[in-house]
Amino acid sequence: MTIQRLLEDSKLDVQEQQLLELAYRRTLQRLNVVDRADPLCEAVARKIIDVHRCGATDAIAIFGVGRQRA
């Protein structure tokens, strides 16, 4: 899973990582992306992480913004 690779060296705690993984999975489901090797997956993962860095701490909020920007 792409987002896990991007989060490996992050300083985020386990809860924050789980939050981002949930938002990532929900966004990909909503976009009907099944192939995790699709370049879109990495773009979504990076956007989810960016949204979190801007201060979003709720999975639903991150999912909503990530979905709008994807």
N, C-alpha and C. Protein backbone atom coordinates (compact mmCIF):
# COMPACT_ATOMS: atom_id res chain seq x y z
N MET A 1 0.84 -1.18 0.00
CA MET A 1 0.00 0.00 0.00
C MET A 1 0.89 1.25 0.00
N THR A 2 0.64 2.15 -0.88
CA THR A 2 1.48 3.32 -1.10
C THR A 2 1.60 4.21 0.13
N ILE A 3 0.51 4.48 0.81
CA ILE A 3 0.58 5.43 1.92
C ILE A 3 1.46 4.89 3.05
N GLN A 4 1.46 3.58 3.25
CA GLN A 4 2.31 3.00 4.30
C GLN A 4 3.78 3.26 3.98
N ARG A 5 4.15 3.13 2.73
CA ARG A 5 5.53 3.38 2.32
C ARG A 5 5.90 4.84 2.60
N LEU A 6 4.98 5.75 2.31
CA LEU A 6 5.25 7.17 2.52
C LEU A 6 5.30 7.54 4.01
N LEU A 7 4.61 6.78 4.83
CA LEU A 7 4.56 7.08 6.27
C LEU A 7 5.67 6.40 7.06
N GLU A 8 6.42 5.50 6.44
CA GLU A 8 7.45 4.74 7.16
C GLU A 8 8.41 5.61 7.95
N ASP A 9 8.89 6.67 7.36
CA ASP A 9 9.88 7.52 8.02
C ASP A 9 9.27 8.76 8.67
N SER A 10 7.96 8.79 8.75
CA SER A 10 7.31 9.97 9.33
C SER A 10 7.43 9.94 10.85
N LYS A 11 7.18 11.08 11.43
CA LYS A 11 7.21 11.20 12.89
C LYS A 11 5.81 11.11 13.48
N LEU A 12 4.87 10.63 12.68
CA LEU A 12 3.50 10.51 13.14
C LEU A 12 3.36 9.31 14.07
N ASP A 13 2.48 9.45 15.06
CA ASP A 13 2.25 8.31 15.94
C ASP A 13 1.33 7.30 15.24
N VAL A 14 1.15 6.16 15.87
CA VAL A 14 0.38 5.06 15.27
C VAL A 14 -1.05 5.50 14.96
N GLN A 15 -1.68 6.24 15.87
CA GLN A 15 -3.06 6.69 15.65
C GLN A 15 -3.16 7.59 14.43
N GLU A 16 -2.23 8.50 14.28
CA GLU A 16 -2.25 9.40 13.12
C GLU A 16 -2.04 8.62 11.83
N GLN A 17 -1.15 7.65 11.85
CA GLN A 17 -0.92 6.83 10.66
C GLN A 17 -2.18 6.04 10.30
N GLN A 18 -2.85 5.49 11.30
CA GLN A 18 -4.08 4.74 11.05
C GLN A 18 -5.16 5.65 10.48
N LEU A 19 -5.24 6.87 10.98
CA LEU A 19 -6.19 7.85 10.49
C LEU A 19 -5.96 8.13 9.01
N LEU A 20 -4.70 8.33 8.63
CA LEU A 20 -4.38 8.62 7.24
C LEU A 20 -4.62 7.40 6.35
N GLU A 21 -4.32 6.22 6.86
CA GLU A 21 -4.57 5.00 6.09
C GLU A 21 -6.07 4.81 5.84
N LEU A 22 -6.89 5.11 6.84
CA LEU A 22 -8.34 5.01 6.68
C LEU A 22 -8.83 6.00 5.62
N ALA A 23 -8.39 7.23 5.72
CA ALA A 23 -8.80 8.24 4.73
C ALA A 23 -8.34 7.84 3.33
N TYR A 24 -7.15 7.29 3.23
CA TYR A 24 -6.59 6.83 1.95
C TYR A 24 -7.45 5.71 1.35
N ARG A 25 -7.75 4.70 2.17
CA ARG A 25 -8.57 3.58 1.67
C ARG A 25 -9.95 4.05 1.24
N ARG A 26 -10.58 4.90 2.04
CA ARG A 26 -11.93 5.40 1.70
C ARG A 26 -11.90 6.22 0.41
N THR A 27 -10.87 7.02 0.24
CA THR A 27 -10.76 7.83 -0.98
C THR A 27 -10.60 6.94 -2.20
N LEU A 28 -9.74 5.93 -2.12
CA LEU A 28 -9.55 5.02 -3.25
C LEU A 28 -10.82 4.23 -3.55
N GLN A 29 -11.55 3.83 -2.50
CA GLN A 29 -12.82 3.14 -2.71
C GLN A 29 -13.80 4.04 -3.45
N ARG A 30 -13.88 5.29 -3.02
CA ARG A 30 -14.81 6.24 -3.64
C ARG A 30 -14.44 6.50 -5.09
N LEU A 31 -13.14 6.47 -5.40
CA LEU A 31 -12.67 6.68 -6.77
C LEU A 31 -12.69 5.39 -7.59
N ASN A 32 -13.10 4.27 -6.95
CA ASN A 32 -13.14 2.96 -7.60
C ASN A 32 -11.77 2.53 -8.13
N VAL A 33 -10.74 2.82 -7.38
CA VAL A 33 -9.38 2.42 -7.75
C VAL A 33 -9.06 1.12 -7.00
N VAL A 34 -8.81 0.07 -7.76
CA VAL A 34 -8.53 -1.24 -7.17
C VAL A 34 -7.04 -1.55 -7.24
N ASP A 35 -6.41 -1.19 -8.34
CA ASP A 35 -4.99 -1.49 -8.57
C ASP A 35 -4.13 -0.52 -7.77
N ARG A 36 -3.51 -1.02 -6.70
CA ARG A 36 -2.69 -0.16 -5.84
C ARG A 36 -1.37 0.24 -6.51
N ALA A 37 -1.08 -0.34 -7.67
CA ALA A 37 0.11 0.06 -8.42
C ALA A 37 -0.19 1.24 -9.34
N ASP A 38 -1.45 1.64 -9.43
CA ASP A 38 -1.86 2.77 -10.25
C ASP A 38 -1.19 4.04 -9.71
N PRO A 39 -0.58 4.85 -10.56
CA PRO A 39 0.06 6.09 -10.12
C PRO A 39 -0.89 7.03 -9.37
N LEU A 40 -2.17 6.92 -9.63
CA LEU A 40 -3.16 7.73 -8.92
C LEU A 40 -3.10 7.48 -7.41
N CYS A 41 -2.79 6.24 -7.02
CA CYS A 41 -2.72 5.90 -5.60
C CYS A 41 -1.67 6.73 -4.87
N GLU A 42 -0.52 6.89 -5.48
CA GLU A 42 0.52 7.69 -4.83
C GLU A 42 0.11 9.15 -4.76
N ALA A 43 -0.53 9.65 -5.81
CA ALA A 43 -0.99 11.04 -5.80
C ALA A 43 -2.02 11.25 -4.68
N VAL A 44 -2.93 10.30 -4.52
CA VAL A 44 -3.93 10.38 -3.46
C VAL A 44 -3.24 10.33 -2.09
N ALA A 45 -2.30 9.41 -1.93
CA ALA A 45 -1.58 9.28 -0.65
C ALA A 45 -0.88 10.59 -0.29
N ARG A 46 -0.20 11.17 -1.25
CA ARG A 46 0.51 12.43 -0.99
C ARG A 46 -0.46 13.55 -0.63
N LYS A 47 -1.60 13.59 -1.30
CA LYS A 47 -2.59 14.62 -1.02
C LYS A 47 -3.18 14.44 0.38
N ILE A 48 -3.46 13.20 0.76
CA ILE A 48 -3.98 12.90 2.10
C ILE A 48 -2.98 13.38 3.16
N ILE A 49 -1.72 13.10 2.96
CA ILE A 49 -0.68 13.52 3.90
C ILE A 49 -0.58 15.05 3.94
N ASP A 50 -0.67 15.69 2.80
CA ASP A 50 -0.63 17.16 2.74
C ASP A 50 -1.80 17.78 3.50
N VAL A 51 -2.99 17.21 3.32
CA VAL A 51 -4.17 17.73 4.02
C VAL A 51 -3.98 17.60 5.53
N HIS A 52 -3.43 16.48 5.96
CA HIS A 52 -3.18 16.28 7.39
C HIS A 52 -2.16 17.30 7.90
N ARG A 53 -1.14 17.57 7.13
CA ARG A 53 -0.12 18.55 7.53
C ARG A 53 -0.70 19.95 7.67
N CYS A 54 -1.79 20.21 6.94
CA CYS A 54 -2.44 21.53 7.02
C CYS A 54 -3.32 21.66 8.26
N GLY A 55 -3.42 20.57 9.04
CA GLY A 55 -4.14 20.66 10.30
C GLY A 55 -5.37 19.79 10.43
N ALA A 56 -5.78 19.11 9.39
CA ALA A 56 -6.95 18.24 9.50
C ALA A 56 -6.60 17.03 10.34
N THR A 57 -7.43 16.72 11.32
CA THR A 57 -7.15 15.60 12.22
C THR A 57 -8.27 14.58 12.26
N ASP A 58 -9.27 14.75 11.45
CA ASP A 58 -10.42 13.86 11.42
C ASP A 58 -10.42 13.09 10.10
N ALA A 59 -10.57 11.77 10.15
CA ALA A 59 -10.50 10.94 8.94
C ALA A 59 -11.55 11.36 7.91
N ILE A 60 -12.74 11.70 8.36
CA ILE A 60 -13.80 12.08 7.43
C ILE A 60 -13.46 13.40 6.75
N ALA A 61 -12.92 14.34 7.49
CA ALA A 61 -12.53 15.62 6.90
C ALA A 61 -11.40 15.43 5.90
N ILE A 62 -10.41 14.61 6.26
CA ILE A 62 -9.29 14.36 5.36
C ILE A 62 -9.79 13.65 4.10
N PHE A 63 -10.66 12.67 4.27
CA PHE A 63 -11.24 11.95 3.14
C PHE A 63 -11.98 12.92 2.23
N GLY A 64 -12.77 13.81 2.80
CA GLY A 64 -13.54 14.76 2.00
C GLY A 64 -12.66 15.70 1.21
N VAL A 65 -11.64 16.25 1.83
CA VAL A 65 -10.74 17.17 1.13
C VAL A 65 -9.91 16.41 0.11
N GLY A 66 -9.41 15.24 0.49
CA GLY A 66 -8.62 14.44 -0.44
C GLY A 66 -9.41 14.04 -1.66
N ARG A 67 -10.68 13.73 -1.46
CA ARG A 67 -11.55 13.34 -2.57
C ARG A 67 -11.79 14.53 -3.49
N GLN A 68 -11.98 15.71 -2.93
CA GLN A 68 -12.23 16.90 -3.74
C GLN A 68 -11.01 17.29 -4.55
N ARG A 69 -9.83 17.09 -3.99
CA ARG A 69 -8.60 17.52 -4.65
C ARG A 69 -8.01 16.47 -5.57
N ALA A 70 -8.45 15.22 -5.44
CA ALA A 70 -7.88 14.14 -6.26
C ALA A 70 -8.30 14.26 -7.70
